[in-house]
N, C-alpha and C. Protein backbone atom coordinates (compact mmCIF):
# COMPACT_ATOMS: atom_id res chain seq x y z
N UNK A 1 22.33 -34.77 25.37
CA UNK A 1 22.36 -35.39 24.07
C UNK A 1 22.82 -34.35 23.05
N UNK A 2 23.76 -34.77 22.26
CA UNK A 2 24.27 -33.83 21.28
C UNK A 2 25.03 -34.58 20.21
N UNK A 3 25.15 -33.93 19.04
CA UNK A 3 26.00 -34.47 17.99
C UNK A 3 25.35 -35.49 17.10
N UNK A 4 26.12 -35.88 16.08
CA UNK A 4 25.71 -36.94 15.17
C UNK A 4 26.83 -37.93 15.07
N UNK A 5 26.72 -39.14 15.42
CA UNK A 5 25.53 -39.69 16.05
C UNK A 5 25.33 -39.09 17.44
N UNK A 6 24.11 -39.20 17.94
CA UNK A 6 23.76 -38.59 19.22
C UNK A 6 24.67 -39.14 20.32
N UNK A 7 25.08 -38.24 21.21
CA UNK A 7 25.95 -38.59 22.31
C UNK A 7 25.29 -38.21 23.62
N UNK A 8 25.31 -39.10 24.56
CA UNK A 8 24.77 -38.82 25.89
C UNK A 8 25.97 -38.58 26.80
N UNK A 9 25.99 -37.41 27.41
CA UNK A 9 27.09 -37.03 28.29
C UNK A 9 26.63 -37.22 29.73
N UNK A 10 27.41 -37.95 30.50
CA UNK A 10 27.12 -38.17 31.92
C UNK A 10 28.27 -37.57 32.72
N UNK A 11 27.94 -36.65 33.61
CA UNK A 11 28.98 -35.99 34.40
C UNK A 11 29.47 -36.90 35.51
N UNK A 12 30.63 -36.60 36.03
CA UNK A 12 31.16 -37.37 37.16
C UNK A 12 30.29 -37.16 38.39
N UNK A 13 29.66 -36.00 38.53
CA UNK A 13 28.75 -35.75 39.66
C UNK A 13 27.53 -36.66 39.57
N UNK A 14 27.02 -36.86 38.36
CA UNK A 14 25.87 -37.76 38.19
C UNK A 14 26.26 -39.19 38.51
N UNK A 15 27.42 -39.61 38.05
CA UNK A 15 27.90 -40.96 38.33
C UNK A 15 28.07 -41.17 39.83
N UNK A 16 28.58 -40.14 40.51
CA UNK A 16 28.78 -40.23 41.96
C UNK A 16 27.45 -40.27 42.71
N UNK A 17 26.44 -39.57 42.19
CA UNK A 17 25.15 -39.48 42.89
C UNK A 17 24.27 -40.70 42.67
N UNK A 18 24.53 -41.46 41.63
CA UNK A 18 23.64 -42.56 41.25
C UNK A 18 24.27 -43.92 41.52
N UNK A 19 23.41 -44.85 41.91
CA UNK A 19 23.83 -46.23 42.00
C UNK A 19 23.84 -46.84 40.60
N UNK A 20 24.31 -48.08 40.49
CA UNK A 20 24.43 -48.72 39.19
C UNK A 20 23.09 -48.84 38.46
N UNK A 21 22.07 -49.29 39.16
CA UNK A 21 20.74 -49.47 38.55
C UNK A 21 20.10 -48.12 38.19
N UNK A 22 20.27 -47.12 39.08
CA UNK A 22 19.71 -45.79 38.81
C UNK A 22 20.39 -45.16 37.60
N UNK A 23 21.72 -45.31 37.51
CA UNK A 23 22.47 -44.78 36.38
C UNK A 23 21.99 -45.43 35.08
N UNK A 24 21.80 -46.73 35.11
CA UNK A 24 21.31 -47.45 33.92
C UNK A 24 19.92 -46.95 33.53
N UNK A 25 19.06 -46.70 34.51
CA UNK A 25 17.71 -46.20 34.22
C UNK A 25 17.75 -44.79 33.63
N UNK A 26 18.60 -43.94 34.18
CA UNK A 26 18.73 -42.57 33.67
C UNK A 26 19.28 -42.58 32.24
N UNK A 27 20.25 -43.42 31.98
CA UNK A 27 20.79 -43.52 30.62
C UNK A 27 19.74 -44.09 29.66
N UNK A 28 18.94 -45.05 30.13
CA UNK A 28 17.86 -45.58 29.29
C UNK A 28 16.84 -44.49 28.97
N UNK A 29 16.58 -43.61 29.94
CA UNK A 29 15.70 -42.46 29.72
C UNK A 29 16.27 -41.57 28.60
N UNK A 30 17.55 -41.28 28.69
CA UNK A 30 18.18 -40.43 27.67
C UNK A 30 18.23 -41.13 26.31
N UNK A 31 18.44 -42.44 26.31
CA UNK A 31 18.44 -43.19 25.04
C UNK A 31 17.06 -43.16 24.40
N UNK A 32 16.01 -43.16 25.22
CA UNK A 32 14.65 -43.07 24.68
C UNK A 32 14.45 -41.72 23.99
N UNK A 33 15.03 -40.67 24.56
CA UNK A 33 14.97 -39.36 23.90
C UNK A 33 15.67 -39.42 22.53
N UNK A 34 16.83 -40.05 22.48
CA UNK A 34 17.58 -40.15 21.23
C UNK A 34 16.79 -40.96 20.21
N UNK A 35 16.29 -42.12 20.62
CA UNK A 35 15.56 -43.00 19.71
C UNK A 35 14.30 -42.33 19.17
N UNK A 36 13.63 -41.55 20.02
CA UNK A 36 12.41 -40.88 19.59
C UNK A 36 12.63 -39.54 18.92
N UNK A 37 13.89 -39.13 18.79
CA UNK A 37 14.24 -37.83 18.21
C UNK A 37 13.52 -36.69 18.91
N UNK A 38 13.42 -36.82 20.24
CA UNK A 38 12.70 -35.84 21.05
C UNK A 38 13.32 -34.46 20.99
N UNK A 39 14.63 -34.38 20.91
CA UNK A 39 15.29 -33.08 20.86
C UNK A 39 14.86 -32.30 19.61
N UNK A 40 14.77 -32.98 18.49
CA UNK A 40 14.34 -32.32 17.25
C UNK A 40 12.90 -31.84 17.37
N UNK A 41 12.06 -32.64 17.98
CA UNK A 41 10.65 -32.27 18.14
C UNK A 41 10.52 -31.05 19.04
N UNK A 42 11.18 -31.09 20.19
CA UNK A 42 11.11 -29.98 21.13
C UNK A 42 11.71 -28.71 20.53
N UNK A 43 12.82 -28.85 19.83
CA UNK A 43 13.45 -27.70 19.21
C UNK A 43 12.52 -27.07 18.18
N UNK A 44 11.88 -27.88 17.36
CA UNK A 44 10.94 -27.35 16.36
C UNK A 44 9.76 -26.66 17.03
N UNK A 45 9.22 -27.29 18.07
CA UNK A 45 8.08 -26.69 18.77
C UNK A 45 8.45 -25.36 19.41
N UNK A 46 9.61 -25.32 20.04
CA UNK A 46 10.06 -24.07 20.68
C UNK A 46 10.35 -23.00 19.64
N UNK A 47 10.87 -23.40 18.50
CA UNK A 47 11.12 -22.44 17.42
C UNK A 47 9.83 -21.80 16.93
N UNK A 48 8.81 -22.61 16.72
CA UNK A 48 7.51 -22.08 16.29
C UNK A 48 6.93 -21.18 17.38
N UNK A 49 7.10 -21.57 18.64
CA UNK A 49 6.59 -20.75 19.74
C UNK A 49 7.31 -19.40 19.81
N UNK A 50 8.60 -19.38 19.46
CA UNK A 50 9.33 -18.10 19.43
C UNK A 50 8.84 -17.21 18.30
N UNK A 51 8.48 -17.81 17.18
CA UNK A 51 8.00 -17.04 16.03
C UNK A 51 6.59 -16.52 16.29
N UNK A 52 5.78 -17.31 16.98
CA UNK A 52 4.38 -16.94 17.25
C UNK A 52 4.12 -16.86 18.76
N UNK A 53 4.77 -15.92 19.45
CA UNK A 53 4.66 -15.89 20.91
C UNK A 53 3.27 -15.51 21.42
N UNK A 54 2.44 -14.92 20.60
CA UNK A 54 1.11 -14.50 21.05
C UNK A 54 0.05 -15.58 20.84
N UNK A 55 0.41 -16.63 20.15
CA UNK A 55 -0.53 -17.73 19.93
C UNK A 55 -0.38 -18.71 21.08
N UNK A 56 -1.29 -18.59 22.04
CA UNK A 56 -1.20 -19.38 23.27
C UNK A 56 -1.20 -20.88 23.01
N UNK A 57 -1.96 -21.31 22.02
CA UNK A 57 -2.00 -22.74 21.69
C UNK A 57 -0.61 -23.24 21.35
N UNK A 58 0.15 -22.46 20.61
CA UNK A 58 1.50 -22.86 20.19
C UNK A 58 2.46 -22.83 21.38
N UNK A 59 2.46 -21.73 22.16
CA UNK A 59 3.40 -21.63 23.28
C UNK A 59 3.09 -22.66 24.35
N UNK A 60 1.83 -22.83 24.66
CA UNK A 60 1.44 -23.84 25.65
C UNK A 60 1.71 -25.25 25.12
N UNK A 61 1.46 -25.42 23.83
CA UNK A 61 1.71 -26.72 23.21
C UNK A 61 3.17 -27.13 23.27
N UNK A 62 4.07 -26.17 23.05
CA UNK A 62 5.51 -26.47 23.12
C UNK A 62 5.88 -26.95 24.51
N UNK A 63 5.34 -26.31 25.53
CA UNK A 63 5.62 -26.71 26.92
C UNK A 63 5.06 -28.10 27.21
N UNK A 64 3.83 -28.33 26.78
CA UNK A 64 3.19 -29.62 27.05
C UNK A 64 3.83 -30.76 26.28
N UNK A 65 4.23 -30.51 25.04
CA UNK A 65 4.91 -31.55 24.27
C UNK A 65 6.21 -31.94 24.95
N UNK A 66 6.97 -30.95 25.43
CA UNK A 66 8.22 -31.25 26.15
C UNK A 66 7.94 -32.10 27.39
N UNK A 67 6.89 -31.74 28.12
CA UNK A 67 6.52 -32.49 29.33
C UNK A 67 6.13 -33.93 28.97
N UNK A 68 5.33 -34.09 27.93
CA UNK A 68 4.89 -35.42 27.54
C UNK A 68 6.04 -36.28 27.01
N UNK A 69 6.98 -35.66 26.32
CA UNK A 69 8.14 -36.42 25.84
C UNK A 69 9.03 -36.87 26.99
N UNK A 70 9.12 -36.06 28.04
CA UNK A 70 9.84 -36.50 29.24
C UNK A 70 9.16 -37.74 29.83
N UNK A 71 7.85 -37.71 29.89
CA UNK A 71 7.10 -38.86 30.43
C UNK A 71 7.22 -40.07 29.52
N UNK A 72 7.26 -39.84 28.23
CA UNK A 72 7.45 -40.93 27.27
C UNK A 72 8.80 -41.61 27.51
N UNK A 73 9.84 -40.80 27.70
CA UNK A 73 11.17 -41.35 27.99
C UNK A 73 11.17 -42.04 29.35
N UNK A 74 10.45 -41.48 30.32
CA UNK A 74 10.32 -42.13 31.63
C UNK A 74 9.71 -43.53 31.47
N UNK A 75 8.65 -43.63 30.67
CA UNK A 75 7.98 -44.92 30.48
C UNK A 75 8.91 -45.94 29.85
N UNK A 76 9.70 -45.51 28.88
CA UNK A 76 10.63 -46.43 28.22
C UNK A 76 11.68 -46.93 29.21
N UNK A 77 12.23 -46.03 30.02
CA UNK A 77 13.24 -46.43 31.00
C UNK A 77 12.63 -47.29 32.10
N UNK A 78 11.43 -46.93 32.54
CA UNK A 78 10.77 -47.70 33.61
C UNK A 78 10.42 -49.10 33.13
N UNK A 79 10.08 -49.24 31.87
CA UNK A 79 9.76 -50.56 31.34
C UNK A 79 10.97 -51.48 31.37
N UNK A 80 12.15 -50.89 31.22
CA UNK A 80 13.37 -51.70 31.19
C UNK A 80 13.97 -51.92 32.58
N UNK A 81 13.98 -50.86 33.42
CA UNK A 81 14.67 -50.94 34.71
C UNK A 81 13.76 -50.82 35.92
N UNK A 82 12.49 -50.58 35.70
CA UNK A 82 11.54 -50.46 36.80
C UNK A 82 11.35 -49.00 37.21
N UNK A 83 10.16 -48.71 37.68
CA UNK A 83 9.82 -47.35 38.08
C UNK A 83 10.67 -46.88 39.26
N UNK A 84 10.94 -47.78 40.17
CA UNK A 84 11.67 -47.39 41.38
C UNK A 84 13.10 -46.93 41.05
N UNK A 85 13.77 -47.65 40.19
CA UNK A 85 15.15 -47.27 39.83
C UNK A 85 15.16 -45.91 39.16
N UNK A 86 14.21 -45.65 38.27
CA UNK A 86 14.16 -44.36 37.60
C UNK A 86 13.78 -43.25 38.57
N UNK A 87 12.82 -43.50 39.43
CA UNK A 87 12.43 -42.51 40.43
C UNK A 87 13.59 -42.17 41.36
N UNK A 88 14.28 -43.18 41.84
CA UNK A 88 15.44 -42.94 42.70
C UNK A 88 16.52 -42.15 41.97
N UNK A 89 16.74 -42.49 40.71
CA UNK A 89 17.74 -41.76 39.92
C UNK A 89 17.34 -40.31 39.69
N UNK A 90 16.08 -40.09 39.39
CA UNK A 90 15.58 -38.73 39.18
C UNK A 90 15.72 -37.90 40.45
N UNK A 91 15.33 -38.47 41.57
CA UNK A 91 15.41 -37.74 42.84
C UNK A 91 16.87 -37.47 43.24
N UNK A 92 17.75 -38.44 42.97
CA UNK A 92 19.17 -38.24 43.29
C UNK A 92 19.75 -37.11 42.44
N UNK A 93 19.38 -37.06 41.17
CA UNK A 93 19.90 -36.01 40.29
C UNK A 93 19.33 -34.64 40.66
N UNK A 94 18.06 -34.58 41.00
CA UNK A 94 17.46 -33.31 41.40
C UNK A 94 18.12 -32.80 42.68
N UNK A 95 18.41 -33.71 43.60
CA UNK A 95 19.04 -33.32 44.85
C UNK A 95 20.51 -32.97 44.71
N UNK A 96 21.19 -33.55 43.72
CA UNK A 96 22.63 -33.37 43.59
C UNK A 96 23.03 -32.24 42.66
N UNK A 97 22.12 -31.82 41.79
CA UNK A 97 22.50 -30.82 40.78
C UNK A 97 21.70 -29.55 40.95
N UNK A 98 22.31 -28.42 40.64
CA UNK A 98 21.53 -27.18 40.61
C UNK A 98 20.48 -27.27 39.50
N UNK A 99 19.35 -26.61 39.70
CA UNK A 99 18.24 -26.72 38.75
C UNK A 99 18.66 -26.38 37.33
N UNK A 100 19.55 -25.42 37.16
CA UNK A 100 19.95 -25.02 35.81
C UNK A 100 20.81 -26.09 35.13
N UNK A 101 21.42 -26.96 35.91
CA UNK A 101 22.29 -27.98 35.33
C UNK A 101 21.53 -29.22 34.89
N UNK A 102 20.33 -29.40 35.39
CA UNK A 102 19.55 -30.59 35.08
C UNK A 102 18.53 -30.24 34.02
N UNK A 103 18.70 -30.80 32.83
CA UNK A 103 17.83 -30.47 31.72
C UNK A 103 16.37 -30.74 32.01
N UNK A 104 16.07 -31.77 32.77
CA UNK A 104 14.68 -32.12 33.04
C UNK A 104 14.08 -31.32 34.18
N UNK A 105 14.88 -30.49 34.85
CA UNK A 105 14.40 -29.79 36.04
C UNK A 105 13.27 -28.84 35.74
N UNK A 106 13.24 -28.28 34.53
CA UNK A 106 12.18 -27.33 34.22
C UNK A 106 10.96 -28.00 33.60
N UNK A 107 10.95 -29.30 33.52
CA UNK A 107 9.85 -30.01 32.88
C UNK A 107 9.13 -30.91 33.89
N UNK A 108 8.43 -30.28 34.80
CA UNK A 108 7.51 -30.97 35.70
C UNK A 108 8.13 -32.15 36.45
N UNK A 109 9.26 -31.93 37.08
CA UNK A 109 9.92 -33.03 37.80
C UNK A 109 9.02 -33.58 38.89
N UNK A 110 8.35 -32.71 39.63
CA UNK A 110 7.48 -33.18 40.70
C UNK A 110 6.35 -34.03 40.14
N UNK A 111 5.75 -33.59 39.06
CA UNK A 111 4.67 -34.36 38.45
C UNK A 111 5.17 -35.70 37.92
N UNK A 112 6.35 -35.69 37.32
CA UNK A 112 6.93 -36.95 36.83
C UNK A 112 7.23 -37.90 37.97
N UNK A 113 7.78 -37.37 39.06
CA UNK A 113 8.09 -38.20 40.22
C UNK A 113 6.81 -38.79 40.81
N UNK A 114 5.78 -37.99 40.91
CA UNK A 114 4.49 -38.47 41.42
C UNK A 114 3.92 -39.56 40.51
N UNK A 115 4.05 -39.35 39.22
CA UNK A 115 3.56 -40.33 38.25
C UNK A 115 4.31 -41.66 38.36
N UNK A 116 5.62 -41.58 38.61
CA UNK A 116 6.42 -42.80 38.76
C UNK A 116 6.11 -43.49 40.10
N UNK A 117 5.91 -42.70 41.14
CA UNK A 117 5.68 -43.26 42.47
C UNK A 117 4.27 -43.86 42.60
N UNK A 118 3.29 -43.23 41.99
CA UNK A 118 1.89 -43.66 42.11
C UNK A 118 1.27 -43.78 40.71
N UNK A 119 1.60 -44.84 39.99
CA UNK A 119 1.07 -44.96 38.63
C UNK A 119 -0.45 -45.12 38.64
N UNK A 120 -1.07 -44.74 37.56
CA UNK A 120 -2.52 -44.85 37.43
C UNK A 120 -2.95 -46.31 37.49
N UNK A 121 -4.13 -46.54 38.06
CA UNK A 121 -4.66 -47.90 38.14
C UNK A 121 -5.11 -48.37 36.75
N UNK A 122 -5.29 -49.65 36.62
CA UNK A 122 -5.76 -50.23 35.36
C UNK A 122 -7.10 -49.62 34.96
N UNK A 123 -7.98 -49.42 35.91
CA UNK A 123 -9.30 -48.85 35.64
C UNK A 123 -9.19 -47.43 35.07
N UNK A 124 -8.33 -46.62 35.65
CA UNK A 124 -8.14 -45.25 35.17
C UNK A 124 -7.55 -45.26 33.77
N UNK A 125 -6.57 -46.14 33.52
CA UNK A 125 -5.97 -46.22 32.19
C UNK A 125 -6.99 -46.63 31.14
N UNK A 126 -7.84 -47.61 31.46
CA UNK A 126 -8.87 -48.06 30.51
C UNK A 126 -9.87 -46.94 30.25
N UNK A 127 -10.27 -46.23 31.30
CA UNK A 127 -11.20 -45.11 31.13
C UNK A 127 -10.61 -44.01 30.26
N UNK A 128 -9.34 -43.71 30.48
CA UNK A 128 -8.66 -42.68 29.69
C UNK A 128 -8.56 -43.11 28.23
N UNK A 129 -8.20 -44.37 28.00
CA UNK A 129 -8.09 -44.87 26.64
C UNK A 129 -9.45 -44.85 25.94
N UNK A 130 -10.51 -45.20 26.67
CA UNK A 130 -11.86 -45.17 26.08
C UNK A 130 -12.26 -43.75 25.72
N UNK A 131 -11.98 -42.80 26.61
CA UNK A 131 -12.32 -41.40 26.33
C UNK A 131 -11.53 -40.87 25.14
N UNK A 132 -10.23 -41.18 25.08
CA UNK A 132 -9.41 -40.74 23.94
C UNK A 132 -9.87 -41.39 22.64
N UNK A 133 -10.21 -42.66 22.71
CA UNK A 133 -10.71 -43.35 21.52
C UNK A 133 -12.02 -42.76 21.03
N UNK A 134 -12.91 -42.45 21.96
CA UNK A 134 -14.19 -41.84 21.59
C UNK A 134 -13.99 -40.46 20.98
N UNK A 135 -13.15 -39.66 21.60
CA UNK A 135 -12.89 -38.32 21.07
C UNK A 135 -12.25 -38.39 19.69
N UNK A 136 -11.30 -39.30 19.51
CA UNK A 136 -10.65 -39.45 18.21
C UNK A 136 -11.65 -39.89 17.14
N UNK A 137 -12.55 -40.78 17.51
CA UNK A 137 -13.57 -41.24 16.57
C UNK A 137 -14.50 -40.09 16.17
N UNK A 138 -14.92 -39.30 17.16
CA UNK A 138 -15.79 -38.17 16.86
C UNK A 138 -15.10 -37.15 15.97
N UNK A 139 -13.83 -36.90 16.24
CA UNK A 139 -13.08 -35.95 15.41
C UNK A 139 -12.96 -36.46 13.98
N UNK A 140 -12.75 -37.75 13.82
CA UNK A 140 -12.59 -38.32 12.48
C UNK A 140 -13.93 -38.46 11.76
N UNK A 141 -14.97 -38.88 12.48
CA UNK A 141 -16.26 -39.18 11.86
C UNK A 141 -17.16 -37.94 11.78
N UNK A 142 -16.99 -37.00 12.68
CA UNK A 142 -17.86 -35.82 12.74
C UNK A 142 -18.00 -35.09 11.41
N UNK A 143 -16.91 -34.70 10.78
CA UNK A 143 -17.03 -34.01 9.48
C UNK A 143 -17.71 -34.86 8.41
N UNK A 144 -17.47 -36.16 8.44
CA UNK A 144 -18.12 -37.04 7.46
C UNK A 144 -19.63 -37.09 7.71
N UNK A 145 -20.03 -37.12 8.98
CA UNK A 145 -21.45 -37.14 9.31
C UNK A 145 -22.12 -35.84 8.88
N UNK A 146 -21.46 -34.72 9.11
CA UNK A 146 -22.02 -33.43 8.69
C UNK A 146 -22.15 -33.39 7.17
N UNK A 147 -21.14 -33.85 6.47
CA UNK A 147 -21.20 -33.88 5.00
C UNK A 147 -22.33 -34.78 4.52
N UNK A 148 -22.51 -35.92 5.16
CA UNK A 148 -23.59 -36.83 4.78
C UNK A 148 -24.96 -36.20 5.03
N UNK A 149 -25.11 -35.51 6.16
CA UNK A 149 -26.38 -34.84 6.45
C UNK A 149 -26.66 -33.73 5.43
N UNK A 150 -25.61 -32.98 5.08
CA UNK A 150 -25.78 -31.93 4.07
C UNK A 150 -26.18 -32.53 2.73
N UNK A 151 -25.52 -33.61 2.36
CA UNK A 151 -25.83 -34.27 1.09
C UNK A 151 -27.25 -34.82 1.08
N UNK A 152 -27.69 -35.38 2.21
CA UNK A 152 -29.04 -35.91 2.27
C UNK A 152 -30.07 -34.79 2.20
N UNK A 153 -29.75 -33.63 2.79
CA UNK A 153 -30.65 -32.48 2.71
C UNK A 153 -30.78 -31.98 1.29
N UNK A 154 -29.66 -31.93 0.56
CA UNK A 154 -29.70 -31.51 -0.84
C UNK A 154 -30.50 -32.50 -1.65
N UNK A 155 -30.30 -33.76 -1.38
CA UNK A 155 -31.03 -34.79 -2.11
C UNK A 155 -32.52 -34.70 -1.84
N UNK A 156 -32.91 -34.47 -0.56
CA UNK A 156 -34.33 -34.37 -0.20
C UNK A 156 -34.97 -33.12 -0.80
N UNK A 157 -34.23 -32.04 -0.83
CA UNK A 157 -34.76 -30.79 -1.39
C UNK A 157 -34.90 -30.86 -2.90
N UNK A 158 -34.13 -31.69 -3.53
CA UNK A 158 -34.17 -31.83 -4.96
C UNK A 158 -35.43 -32.59 -5.41
N UNK A 159 -36.05 -33.32 -4.45
CA UNK A 159 -37.24 -34.09 -4.81
C UNK A 159 -38.38 -33.16 -4.91
């Protein structure tokens, strides 16, 4: 992806390695990156990580954000063309291209392939959503609860 407007470049080797459905899924994956402005996000994160290389939260965060954005694009493509088409396309590209030529090769390809091949069950997804919802609620409400307790203590001490 490059340029304005964003351009997706597909090599003749990729076209030769992919079937019609796999090629469509791979292009849908790249279009999801363009639509989500993932390149700008990853570039900004990596830039901050270069400026603050000793802050592990930032450097690790840049890596994890890139990984999660790849999975986000995977989900968008899989929703349109199916997990199997995207998985087959990903495996064909990994097998046909040297690792340095495949932009996604350094971003957890094995984990992404496993995720596409064996998606989480409905029960696991609901449990994860409940845990994330609970954590988000605690993060949002926690400071307010502490402030309320402090205020009530001041009020009680004033009596």
